[in-house]
Amino acid sequence: MALRLGFMDFICLCIRVPKSGSSSLSHALNAAFAERRTFFLPDTLNLDGRHSAFQRWRFQRARKGALRAHYGDPRLASALATINADARPGDLIAGGHFDFGFARQALSRPARAIAMLRDPVARCVSEYNYARQNHLARDVFKRIDSKTQPKIAARYDLVGYLDYLLDRRETYGDLASQYLGWDGAQPLDRFFETAVFHAGVLEDSATFAFGLAEKLGRPVDFPWANSTLDRKAQAADAAARRRIEQLYARDFELYEHVRAETRKAARRISALRRKATEAEPASFTRTDRPDAASGLN
């Protein structure tokens, strides 16, 4: 049964885990929630800033600029006051890479997450290649004024980059879990029941889109494109995989849970499609089919 936006009793949060189709997720949700109000929330996890005063300054500079552009005021407290005064159940909060834990604590109304996860190995390798390639393409001044991780990615190979992150595991480890707000203490079934409205895996974005369309009662399109450049991209060898498994142990557990639920949903959807195919008149075209608007091909 569709849970129409006007009948939700919570605000939806677009949780954008880096290098997990987050831009596509943002575009898809902005379109799906077009009839509702969407509020901007900036980045909240300043990982590099935990080890560098310069990175703390960069983070504040970027956040103030984003807030000024959206609200005319650089103060985060002012933006949150606007959201708490104006946002209603069924509205969407999106924009930056903010974490669910911060948003849930800062909001005066109940909120639930919509998130896309990605295989931790693929996500990490994509993050490394993206950071390295973009950093090396910048001029010298922009390289100086950049985040820590791109600098490290440009300096080392993938294994060296992972060693740097592992030495600071309390900061950079379990990235998806940090964004989604799961600390490993609460059973995943219970966590998703209370905190997550909808989640999926990037490797099966069609099932994610179909399931969300069912809940919202409207089409959801998820056109994902990987923006990482192709040249000189590194892959994960056995040594890199061992490090990734250490660095993102909780993320693997989170991902496997969502993937298992996605597989269940995919089997249910396949059964529905078979039933619809058997029941439809021979004159139906593909665009007439009940699942055509969902974006599931």
C-alpha atoms as a PDB file:
ATOM      1  CA  MET A   1       0.000   0.000   0.000  1.00  0.00           C
ATOM      2  CA  ALA A   2       1.288   3.441  -0.870  1.00  0.00           C
ATOM      3  CA  LEU A   3       2.151   5.716   2.033  1.00  0.00           C
ATOM      4  CA  ARG A   4       1.136   9.041   0.525  1.00  0.00           C
ATOM      5  CA  LEU A   5       3.326  11.978   1.429  1.00  0.00           C
ATOM      6  CA  GLY A   6       0.443  13.868   2.989  1.00  0.00           C
ATOM      7  CA  PHE A   7      -0.213  11.025   5.425  1.00  0.00           C
ATOM      8  CA  MET A   8       3.333  10.610   6.753  1.00  0.00           C
ATOM      9  CA  ASP A   9       3.883  11.416  10.413  1.00  0.00           C
ATOM     10  CA  PHE A  10       7.595  12.137   9.944  1.00  0.00           C
ATOM     11  CA  ILE A  11       9.985  14.225   7.872  1.00  0.00           C
ATOM     12  CA  CYS A  12      12.133  12.358   5.338  1.00  0.00           C
ATOM     13  CA  LEU A  13      15.909  12.788   5.345  1.00  0.00           C
ATOM     14  CA  CYS A  14      18.016  12.189   2.245  1.00  0.00           C
ATOM     15  CA  ILE A  15      21.138  10.544   3.700  1.00  0.00           C
ATOM     16  CA  ARG A  16      23.901  10.826   1.130  1.00  0.00           C
ATOM     17  CA  VAL A  17      26.714   8.366   1.794  1.00  0.00           C
ATOM     18  CA  PRO A  18      29.682   9.533  -0.325  1.00  0.00           C
ATOM     19  CA  LYS A  19      30.369   7.561  -3.524  1.00  0.00           C
ATOM     20  CA  SER A  20      27.170   5.562  -3.158  1.00  0.00           C
ATOM     21  CA  GLY A  21      25.064   7.165  -5.867  1.00  0.00           C
ATOM     22  CA  SER A  22      24.402  10.100  -3.556  1.00  0.00           C
ATOM     23  CA  SER A  23      23.942  12.718  -6.294  1.00  0.00           C
ATOM     24  CA  SER A  24      21.490  10.475  -8.125  1.00  0.00           C
ATOM     25  CA  LEU A  25      19.646   9.838  -4.865  1.00  0.00           C
ATOM     26  CA  SER A  26      19.333  13.559  -4.230  1.00  0.00           C
ATOM     27  CA  HIS A  27      17.987  14.224  -7.735  1.00  0.00           C
ATOM     28  CA  ALA A  28      15.545  11.306  -7.500  1.00  0.00           C
ATOM     29  CA  LEU A  29      14.136  12.442  -4.156  1.00  0.00           C
ATOM     30  CA  ASN A  30      13.877  16.092  -5.153  1.00  0.00           C
ATOM     31  CA  ALA A  31      11.727  14.972  -8.098  1.00  0.00           C
ATOM     32  CA  ALA A  32       9.661  12.496  -6.061  1.00  0.00           C
ATOM     33  CA  PHE A  33       8.969  15.114  -3.367  1.00  0.00           C
ATOM     34  CA  ALA A  34       8.342  17.938  -5.843  1.00  0.00           C
ATOM     35  CA  GLU A  35       4.864  18.596  -4.429  1.00  0.00           C
ATOM     36  CA  ARG A  36       6.254  18.958  -0.919  1.00  0.00           C
ATOM     37  CA  ARG A  37       8.685  21.458   0.570  1.00  0.00           C
ATOM     38  CA  THR A  38      12.367  20.582   0.509  1.00  0.00           C
ATOM     39  CA  PHE A  39      14.775  22.068   3.029  1.00  0.00           C
ATOM     40  CA  PHE A  40      18.535  22.284   2.743  1.00  0.00           C
ATOM     41  CA  LEU A  41      20.876  20.945   5.410  1.00  0.00           C
ATOM     42  CA  PRO A  42      24.662  21.204   4.876  1.00  0.00           C
ATOM     43  CA  ASP A  43      27.485  18.778   5.602  1.00  0.00           C
ATOM     44  CA  THR A  44      27.738  17.831   9.265  1.00  0.00           C
ATOM     45  CA  LEU A  45      30.520  15.222   9.502  1.00  0.00           C
ATOM     46  CA  ASN A  46      33.847  17.024   9.426  1.00  0.00           C
ATOM     47  CA  LEU A  47      36.123  13.989   9.541  1.00  0.00           C
ATOM     48  CA  ASP A  48      39.297  15.757   8.431  1.00  0.00           C
ATOM     49  CA  GLY A  49      38.656  18.489  10.979  1.00  0.00           C
ATOM     50  CA  ARG A  50      39.086  16.043  13.838  1.00  0.00           C
ATOM     51  CA  HIS A  51      42.824  16.106  13.119  1.00  0.00           C
ATOM     52  CA  SER A  52      43.459  19.542  11.608  1.00  0.00           C
ATOM     53  CA  ALA A  53      42.643  23.135  12.581  1.00  0.00           C
ATOM     54  CA  PHE A  54      43.015  24.135   8.925  1.00  0.00           C
ATOM     55  CA  GLN A  55      40.413  21.563   7.903  1.00  0.00           C
ATOM     56  CA  ARG A  56      38.059  22.792  10.610  1.00  0.00           C
ATOM     57  CA  TRP A  57      38.368  26.292   9.164  1.00  0.00           C
ATOM     58  CA  ARG A  58      37.782  25.018   5.603  1.00  0.00           C
ATOM     59  CA  PHE A  59      34.716  23.098   6.710  1.00  0.00           C
ATOM     60  CA  GLN A  60      33.183  26.109   8.443  1.00  0.00           C
ATOM     61  CA  ARG A  61      33.930  28.322   5.451  1.00  0.00           C
ATOM     62  CA  ALA A  62      32.231  25.922   3.044  1.00  0.00           C
ATOM     63  CA  ARG A  63      29.242  25.359   5.336  1.00  0.00           C
ATOM     64  CA  LYS A  64      28.682  29.056   5.921  1.00  0.00           C
ATOM     65  CA  GLY A  65      28.782  29.663   2.172  1.00  0.00           C
ATOM     66  CA  ALA A  66      26.222  26.938   1.521  1.00  0.00           C
ATOM     67  CA  LEU A  67      23.916  28.192   4.272  1.00  0.00           C
ATOM     68  CA  ARG A  68      24.161  31.784   3.052  1.00  0.00           C
ATOM     69  CA  ALA A  69      23.271  30.657  -0.484  1.00  0.00           C
ATOM     70  CA  HIS A  70      20.164  28.756   0.677  1.00  0.00           C
ATOM     71  CA  TYR A  71      18.918  30.831   3.612  1.00  0.00           C
ATOM     72  CA  GLY A  72      20.677  34.191   3.334  1.00  0.00           C
ATOM     73  CA  ASP A  73      22.226  33.515   6.730  1.00  0.00           C
ATOM     74  CA  PRO A  74      25.506  31.670   7.410  1.00  0.00           C
ATOM     75  CA  ARG A  75      24.441  30.330  10.808  1.00  0.00           C
ATOM     76  CA  LEU A  76      23.491  26.679  11.148  1.00  0.00           C
ATOM     77  CA  ALA A  77      21.297  27.505  14.145  1.00  0.00           C
ATOM     78  CA  SER A  78      19.277  29.888  11.988  1.00  0.00           C
ATOM     79  CA  ALA A  79      18.744  27.244   9.307  1.00  0.00           C
ATOM     80  CA  LEU A  80      17.613  24.710  11.899  1.00  0.00           C
ATOM     81  CA  ALA A  81      15.205  27.256  13.384  1.00  0.00           C
ATOM     82  CA  THR A  82      13.678  27.781   9.935  1.00  0.00           C
ATOM     83  CA  ILE A  83      13.366  24.043   9.336  1.00  0.00           C
ATOM     84  CA  ASN A  84      11.827  23.406  12.742  1.00  0.00           C
ATOM     85  CA  ALA A  85       9.341  26.234  12.270  1.00  0.00           C
ATOM     86  CA  ASP A  86       8.290  25.439   8.695  1.00  0.00           C
ATOM     87  CA  ALA A  87       8.898  21.757   7.903  1.00  0.00           C
ATOM     88  CA  ARG A  88       5.914  19.427   8.127  1.00  0.00           C
ATOM     89  CA  PRO A  89       5.571  15.637   8.025  1.00  0.00           C
ATOM     90  CA  GLY A  90       5.966  14.464   4.439  1.00  0.00           C
ATOM     91  CA  ASP A  91       8.511  17.163   3.619  1.00  0.00           C
ATOM     92  CA  LEU A  92      12.098  16.390   2.624  1.00  0.00           C
ATOM     93  CA  ILE A  93      15.430  17.529   4.008  1.00  0.00           C
ATOM     94  CA  ALA A  94      18.253  17.099   1.521  1.00  0.00           C
ATOM     95  CA  GLY A  95      21.295  18.875   0.168  1.00  0.00           C
ATOM     96  CA  GLY A  96      24.643  18.167   1.810  1.00  0.00           C
ATOM     97  CA  HIS A  97      26.291  15.077   3.241  1.00  0.00           C
ATOM     98  CA  PHE A  98      24.682  15.348   6.667  1.00  0.00           C
ATOM     99  CA  ASP A  99      24.387  12.468   9.094  1.00  0.00           C
ATOM    100  CA  PHE A 100      21.134  11.063  10.422  1.00  0.00           C
ATOM    101  CA  GLY A 101      22.176  11.232  14.065  1.00  0.00           C
ATOM    102  CA  PHE A 102      22.794  14.968  13.922  1.00  0.00           C
ATOM    103  CA  ALA A 103      19.598  15.685  12.005  1.00  0.00           C
ATOM    104  CA  ARG A 104      17.373  13.568  14.249  1.00  0.00           C
ATOM    105  CA  GLN A 105      18.722  15.283  17.348  1.00  0.00           C
ATOM    106  CA  ALA A 106      18.437  18.784  15.865  1.00  0.00           C
ATOM    107  CA  LEU A 107      14.889  18.456  14.499  1.00  0.00           C
ATOM    108  CA  SER A 108      11.810  19.039  16.592  1.00  0.00           C
ATOM    109  CA  ARG A 109       9.687  16.594  14.556  1.00  0.00           C
ATOM    110  CA  PRO A 110      10.173  12.852  14.016  1.00  0.00           C
ATOM    111  CA  ALA A 111      12.363  12.008  11.030  1.00  0.00           C
ATOM    112  CA  ARG A 112      13.288   8.889   9.091  1.00  0.00           C
ATOM    113  CA  ALA A 113      16.052   8.238   6.601  1.00  0.00           C
ATOM    114  CA  ILE A 114      16.066   7.388   2.918  1.00  0.00           C
ATOM    115  CA  ALA A 115      19.475   6.010   2.003  1.00  0.00           C
ATOM    116  CA  MET A 116      21.418   4.183  -0.679  1.00  0.00           C
ATOM    117  CA  LEU A 117      24.313   1.921   0.283  1.00  0.00           C
ATOM    118  CA  ARG A 118      27.083   0.451  -1.819  1.00  0.00           C
ATOM    119  CA  ASP A 119      29.386  -2.534  -1.473  1.00  0.00           C
ATOM    120  CA  PRO A 120      32.086  -1.202   0.892  1.00  0.00           C
ATOM    121  CA  VAL A 121      34.946  -2.375  -1.318  1.00  0.00           C
ATOM    122  CA  ALA A 122      33.513  -0.722  -4.426  1.00  0.00           C
ATOM    123  CA  ARG A 123      32.635   2.419  -2.480  1.00  0.00           C
ATOM    124  CA  CYS A 124      36.107   2.778  -0.983  1.00  0.00           C
ATOM    125  CA  VAL A 125      37.923   2.171  -4.261  1.00  0.00           C
ATOM    126  CA  SER A 126      35.655   4.649  -6.044  1.00  0.00           C
ATOM    127  CA  GLU A 127      36.279   7.222  -3.312  1.00  0.00           C
ATOM    128  CA  TYR A 128      40.044   6.762  -3.595  1.00  0.00           C
ATOM    129  CA  ASN A 129      40.136   7.031  -7.387  1.00  0.00           C
ATOM    130  CA  TYR A 130      37.802  10.021  -7.414  1.00  0.00           C
ATOM    131  CA  ALA A 131      39.803  11.854  -4.752  1.00  0.00           C
ATOM    132  CA  ARG A 132      43.153  11.088  -6.370  1.00  0.00           C
ATOM    133  CA  GLN A 133      42.198  11.933  -9.945  1.00  0.00           C
ATOM    134  CA  ASN A 134      40.413  15.165  -9.093  1.00  0.00           C
ATOM    135  CA  HIS A 135      43.201  16.342  -6.793  1.00  0.00           C
ATOM    136  CA  LEU A 136      45.902  15.722  -9.391  1.00  0.00           C
ATOM    137  CA  ALA A 137      43.862  17.626 -11.982  1.00  0.00           C
ATOM    138  CA  ARG A 138      43.792  20.794  -9.829  1.00  0.00           C
ATOM    139  CA  ASP A 139      46.239  23.680  -9.931  1.00  0.00           C
ATOM    140  CA  VAL A 140      48.732  24.061  -7.108  1.00  0.00           C
ATOM    141  CA  PHE A 141      46.682  26.590  -5.141  1.00  0.00           C
ATOM    142  CA  LYS A 142      43.546  24.460  -5.167  1.00  0.00           C
ATOM    143  CA  ARG A 143      45.608  21.452  -4.106  1.00  0.00           C
ATOM    144  CA  ILE A 144      46.756  23.361  -1.031  1.00  0.00           C
ATOM    145  CA  ASP A 145      43.191  24.445  -0.250  1.00  0.00           C
ATOM    146  CA  SER A 146      41.626  20.986  -0.342  1.00  0.00           C
ATOM    147  CA  LYS A 147      40.508  18.263   2.041  1.00  0.00           C
ATOM    148  CA  THR A 148      42.967  15.890   3.669  1.00  0.00           C
ATOM    149  CA  GLN A 149      41.784  12.678   2.009  1.00  0.00           C
ATOM    150  CA  PRO A 150      42.385  13.838  -1.589  1.00  0.00           C
ATOM    151  CA  LYS A 151      45.886  14.925  -0.603  1.00  0.00           C
ATOM    152  CA  ILE A 152      46.606  11.505   0.887  1.00  0.00           C
ATOM    153  CA  ALA A 153      45.047   9.710  -2.102  1.00  0.00           C
ATOM    154  CA  ALA A 154      47.259  11.701  -4.481  1.00  0.00           C
ATOM    155  CA  ARG A 155      50.374  10.882  -2.441  1.00  0.00           C
ATOM    156  CA  TYR A 156      49.954   7.120  -1.983  1.00  0.00           C
ATOM    157  CA  ASP A 157      48.693   4.075  -3.795  1.00  0.00           C
ATOM    158  CA  LEU A 158      45.449   2.476  -2.610  1.00  0.00           C
ATOM    159  CA  VAL A 159      47.111   0.360   0.106  1.00  0.00           C
ATOM    160  CA  GLY A 160      49.038   3.365   1.434  1.00  0.00           C
ATOM    161  CA  TYR A 161      45.844   5.409   1.471  1.00  0.00           C
ATOM    162  CA  LEU A 162      44.050   2.695   3.428  1.00  0.00           C
ATOM    163  CA  ASP A 163      46.923   2.458   5.913  1.00  0.00           C
ATOM    164  CA  TYR A 164      46.529   6.186   6.568  1.00  0.00           C
ATOM    165  CA  LEU A 165      42.796   5.741   7.211  1.00  0.00           C
ATOM    166  CA  LEU A 166      43.341   2.680   9.395  1.00  0.00           C
ATOM    167  CA  ASP A 167      45.742   4.633  11.590  1.00  0.00           C
ATOM    168  CA  ARG A 168      42.770   6.973  12.187  1.00  0.00           C
ATOM    169  CA  ARG A 169      40.063   4.351  12.165  1.00  0.00           C
ATOM    170  CA  GLU A 170      38.033   6.048  14.899  1.00  0.00           C
ATOM    171  CA  THR A 171      37.577   8.952  12.473  1.00  0.00           C
ATOM    172  CA  TYR A 172      37.398   7.419   9.007  1.00  0.00           C
ATOM    173  CA  GLY A 173      36.110   3.917   9.729  1.00  0.00           C
ATOM    174  CA  ASP A 174      32.565   2.644   9.086  1.00  0.00           C
ATOM    175  CA  LEU A 175      31.615   5.675   7.017  1.00  0.00           C
ATOM    176  CA  ALA A 176      28.163   4.480   5.948  1.00  0.00           C
ATOM    177  CA  SER A 177      27.305   3.598   9.552  1.00  0.00           C
ATOM    178  CA  GLN A 178      28.391   7.065  10.662  1.00  0.00           C
ATOM    179  CA  TYR A 179      26.114   8.731   8.124  1.00  0.00           C
ATOM    180  CA  LEU A 180      23.159   6.467   8.824  1.00  0.00           C
ATOM    181  CA  GLY A 181      23.643   6.698  12.589  1.00  0.00           C
ATOM    182  CA  TRP A 182      24.008   2.989  13.395  1.00  0.00           C
ATOM    183  CA  ASP A 183      26.564   2.336  16.145  1.00  0.00           C
ATOM    184  CA  GLY A 184      26.237  -1.443  16.087  1.00  0.00           C
ATOM    185  CA  ALA A 185      24.555  -1.667  19.482  1.00  0.00           C
ATOM    186  CA  GLN A 186      20.949  -1.836  18.300  1.00  0.00           C
ATOM    187  CA  PRO A 187      19.814  -4.884  16.277  1.00  0.00           C
ATOM    188  CA  LEU A 188      19.574  -3.917  12.627  1.00  0.00           C
ATOM    189  CA  ASP A 189      15.951  -5.008  12.263  1.00  0.00           C
ATOM    190  CA  ARG A 190      14.982  -2.713  15.111  1.00  0.00           C
ATOM    191  CA  PHE A 191      17.151   0.137  13.858  1.00  0.00           C
ATOM    192  CA  PHE A 192      15.593   0.066  10.388  1.00  0.00           C
ATOM    193  CA  GLU A 193      12.100  -0.219  11.841  1.00  0.00           C
ATOM    194  CA  THR A 194      12.498   2.980  13.850  1.00  0.00           C
ATOM    195  CA  ALA A 195      14.974   5.080  11.865  1.00  0.00           C
ATOM    196  CA  VAL A 196      14.740   4.232   8.156  1.00  0.00           C
ATOM    197  CA  PHE A 197      11.846   4.830   5.791  1.00  0.00           C
ATOM    198  CA  HIS A 198      13.504   3.257   2.754  1.00  0.00           C
ATOM    199  CA  ALA A 199      16.946   1.923   1.870  1.00  0.00           C
ATOM    200  CA  GLY A 200      18.547   0.040  -0.979  1.00  0.00           C
ATOM    201  CA  VAL A 201      21.836  -0.920  -2.566  1.00  0.00           C
ATOM    202  CA  LEU A 202      23.362   0.836  -5.533  1.00  0.00           C
ATOM    203  CA  GLU A 203      23.983  -2.493  -7.256  1.00  0.00           C
ATOM    204  CA  ASP A 204      20.192  -2.902  -7.572  1.00  0.00           C
ATOM    205  CA  SER A 205      18.935   0.663  -7.828  1.00  0.00           C
ATOM    206  CA  ALA A 206      15.917  -0.495  -9.853  1.00  0.00           C
ATOM    207  CA  THR A 207      14.519  -2.414  -6.893  1.00  0.00           C
ATOM    208  CA  PHE A 208      15.200   0.600  -4.663  1.00  0.00           C
ATOM    209  CA  ALA A 209      13.271   2.858  -7.055  1.00  0.00           C
ATOM    210  CA  PHE A 210      10.360   0.435  -7.435  1.00  0.00           C
ATOM    211  CA  GLY A 211       9.994  -0.044  -3.680  1.00  0.00           C
ATOM    212  CA  LEU A 212      10.128   3.682  -2.965  1.00  0.00           C
ATOM    213  CA  ALA A 213       7.589   4.345  -5.727  1.00  0.00           C
ATOM    214  CA  GLU A 214       5.234   1.857  -4.055  1.00  0.00           C
ATOM    215  CA  LYS A 215       5.559   3.638  -0.721  1.00  0.00           C
ATOM    216  CA  LEU A 216       5.154   7.127  -2.132  1.00  0.00           C
ATOM    217  CA  GLY A 217       2.461   6.276  -4.638  1.00  0.00           C
ATOM    218  CA  ARG A 218       4.331   8.004  -7.460  1.00  0.00           C
ATOM    219  CA  PRO A 219       7.087   7.166  -9.961  1.00  0.00           C
ATOM    220  CA  VAL A 220      10.702   7.308  -8.817  1.00  0.00           C
ATOM    221  CA  ASP A 221      13.500   7.478 -11.353  1.00  0.00           C
ATOM    222  CA  PHE A 222      17.077   6.685 -10.320  1.00  0.00           C
ATOM    223  CA  PRO A 223      19.439   7.381 -13.242  1.00  0.00           C
ATOM    224  CA  TRP A 224      22.827   6.591 -11.704  1.00  0.00           C
ATOM    225  CA  ALA A 225      26.074   7.602 -13.413  1.00  0.00           C
ATOM    226  CA  ASN A 226      29.542   7.110 -11.925  1.00  0.00           C
ATOM    227  CA  SER A 227      31.440  10.404 -12.126  1.00  0.00           C
ATOM    228  CA  THR A 228      34.834   8.892 -11.332  1.00  0.00           C
ATOM    229  CA  LEU A 229      37.254   9.373 -14.181  1.00  0.00           C
ATOM    230  CA  ASP A 230      38.426   6.262 -16.010  1.00  0.00           C
ATOM    231  CA  ARG A 231      42.102   7.052 -16.449  1.00  0.00           C
ATOM    232  CA  LYS A 232      44.592   5.242 -14.206  1.00  0.00           C
ATOM    233  CA  ALA A 233      41.908   3.974 -11.818  1.00  0.00           C
ATOM    234  CA  GLN A 234      43.243   1.505  -9.255  1.00  0.00           C
ATOM    235  CA  ALA A 235      41.452  -1.682  -8.229  1.00  0.00           C
ATOM    236  CA  ALA A 236      41.521  -3.461  -4.874  1.00  0.00           C
ATOM    237  CA  ASP A 237      43.978  -6.356  -4.619  1.00  0.00           C
ATOM    238  CA  ALA A 238      44.015  -8.838  -1.740  1.00  0.00           C
ATOM    239  CA  ALA A 239      46.054  -6.529   0.510  1.00  0.00           C
ATOM    240  CA  ALA A 240      43.643  -3.639  -0.079  1.00  0.00           C
ATOM    241  CA  ARG A 241      40.613  -5.828   0.548  1.00  0.00           C
ATOM    242  CA  ARG A 242      41.967  -6.963   3.908  1.00  0.00           C
ATOM    243  CA  ARG A 243      42.392  -3.362   4.954  1.00  0.00           C
ATOM    244  CA  ILE A 244      38.943  -2.382   3.700  1.00  0.00           C
ATOM    245  CA  GLU A 245      37.388  -5.237   5.687  1.00  0.00           C
ATOM    246  CA  GLN A 246      39.080  -3.937   8.827  1.00  0.00           C
ATOM    247  CA  LEU A 247      38.227  -0.305   8.202  1.00  0.00           C
ATOM    248  CA  TYR A 248      34.561  -0.865   7.356  1.00  0.00           C
ATOM    249  CA  ALA A 249      33.635  -3.973   9.372  1.00  0.00           C
ATOM    250  CA  ARG A 250      30.347  -2.500  10.593  1.00  0.00           C
ATOM    251  CA  ASP A 251      29.551  -1.132   7.136  1.00  0.00           C
ATOM    252  CA  PHE A 252      29.795  -4.646   5.697  1.00  0.00           C
ATOM    253  CA  GLU A 253      27.207  -5.823   8.227  1.00  0.00           C
ATOM    254  CA  LEU A 254      24.963  -2.881   7.393  1.00  0.00           C
ATOM    255  CA  TYR A 255      25.329  -3.419   3.658  1.00  0.00           C
ATOM    256  CA  GLU A 256      24.646  -7.164   3.824  1.00  0.00           C
ATOM    257  CA  HIS A 257      21.474  -6.523   5.823  1.00  0.00           C
ATOM    258  CA  VAL A 258      20.151  -4.082   3.220  1.00  0.00           C
ATOM    259  CA  ARG A 259      21.229  -6.320   0.352  1.00  0.00           C
ATOM    260  CA  ALA A 260      19.344  -9.262   1.862  1.00  0.00           C
ATOM    261  CA  GLU A 261      16.207  -7.137   2.202  1.00  0.00           C
ATOM    262  CA  THR A 262      16.689  -5.901  -1.363  1.00  0.00           C
ATOM    263  CA  ARG A 263      16.833  -9.469  -2.644  1.00  0.00           C
ATOM    264  CA  LYS A 264      13.574 -10.269  -0.869  1.00  0.00           C
ATOM    265  CA  ALA A 265      11.993  -7.197  -2.450  1.00  0.00           C
ATOM    266  CA  ALA A 266      13.341  -8.128  -5.890  1.00  0.00           C
ATOM    267  CA  ARG A 267      11.783 -11.597  -5.651  1.00  0.00           C
ATOM    268  CA  ARG A 268       8.455 -10.075  -4.634  1.00  0.00           C
ATOM    269  CA  ILE A 269       8.596  -7.611  -7.509  1.00  0.00           C
ATOM    270  CA  SER A 270       9.450 -10.380  -9.975  1.00  0.00           C
ATOM    271  CA  ALA A 271       6.423 -12.332  -8.775  1.00  0.00           C
ATOM    272  CA  LEU A 272       4.219  -9.275  -9.219  1.00  0.00           C
ATOM    273  CA  ARG A 273       5.539  -8.739 -12.723  1.00  0.00           C
ATOM    274  CA  ARG A 274       4.942 -12.363 -13.687  1.00  0.00           C
ATOM    275  CA  LYS A 275       1.417 -12.137 -12.343  1.00  0.00           C
ATOM    276  CA  ALA A 276       0.793  -8.896 -14.232  1.00  0.00           C
ATOM    277  CA  THR A 277       2.194 -10.408 -17.436  1.00  0.00           C
ATOM    278  CA  GLU A 278      -0.048 -13.453 -17.147  1.00  0.00           C
ATOM    279  CA  ALA A 279      -3.107 -11.298 -16.482  1.00  0.00           C
ATOM    280  CA  GLU A 280      -2.595  -8.545 -19.066  1.00  0.00           C
ATOM    281  CA  PRO A 281      -4.419  -8.600 -22.408  1.00  0.00           C
ATOM    282  CA  ALA A 282      -2.347  -9.400 -25.480  1.00  0.00           C
ATOM    283  CA  SER A 283      -2.957  -5.843 -26.757  1.00  0.00           C
ATOM    284  CA  PHE A 284      -0.960  -4.276 -23.866  1.00  0.00           C
ATOM    285  CA  THR A 285       2.226  -2.552 -24.879  1.00  0.00           C
ATOM    286  CA  ARG A 286       5.192  -2.232 -22.516  1.00  0.00           C
ATOM    287  CA  THR A 287       4.304   1.363 -21.631  1.00  0.00           C
ATOM    288  CA  ASP A 288       0.837   0.176 -20.616  1.00  0.00           C
ATOM    289  CA  ARG A 289       2.217  -2.161 -17.994  1.00  0.00           C
ATOM    290  CA  PRO A 290       1.648  -1.329 -14.337  1.00  0.00           C
ATOM    291  CA  ASP A 291       5.377  -1.311 -13.519  1.00  0.00           C
ATOM    292  CA  ALA A 292       6.505   0.833 -16.426  1.00  0.00           C
ATOM    293  CA  ALA A 293       6.413   4.126 -14.534  1.00  0.00           C
ATOM    294  CA  SER A 294       8.539   2.845 -11.682  1.00  0.00           C
ATOM    295  CA  GLY A 295      11.843   3.016 -13.491  1.00  0.00           C
ATOM    296  CA  LEU A 296      12.341  -0.768 -13.148  1.00  0.00           C
ATOM    297  CA  ASN A 297      13.563  -2.259 -16.400  1.00  0.00           C
END
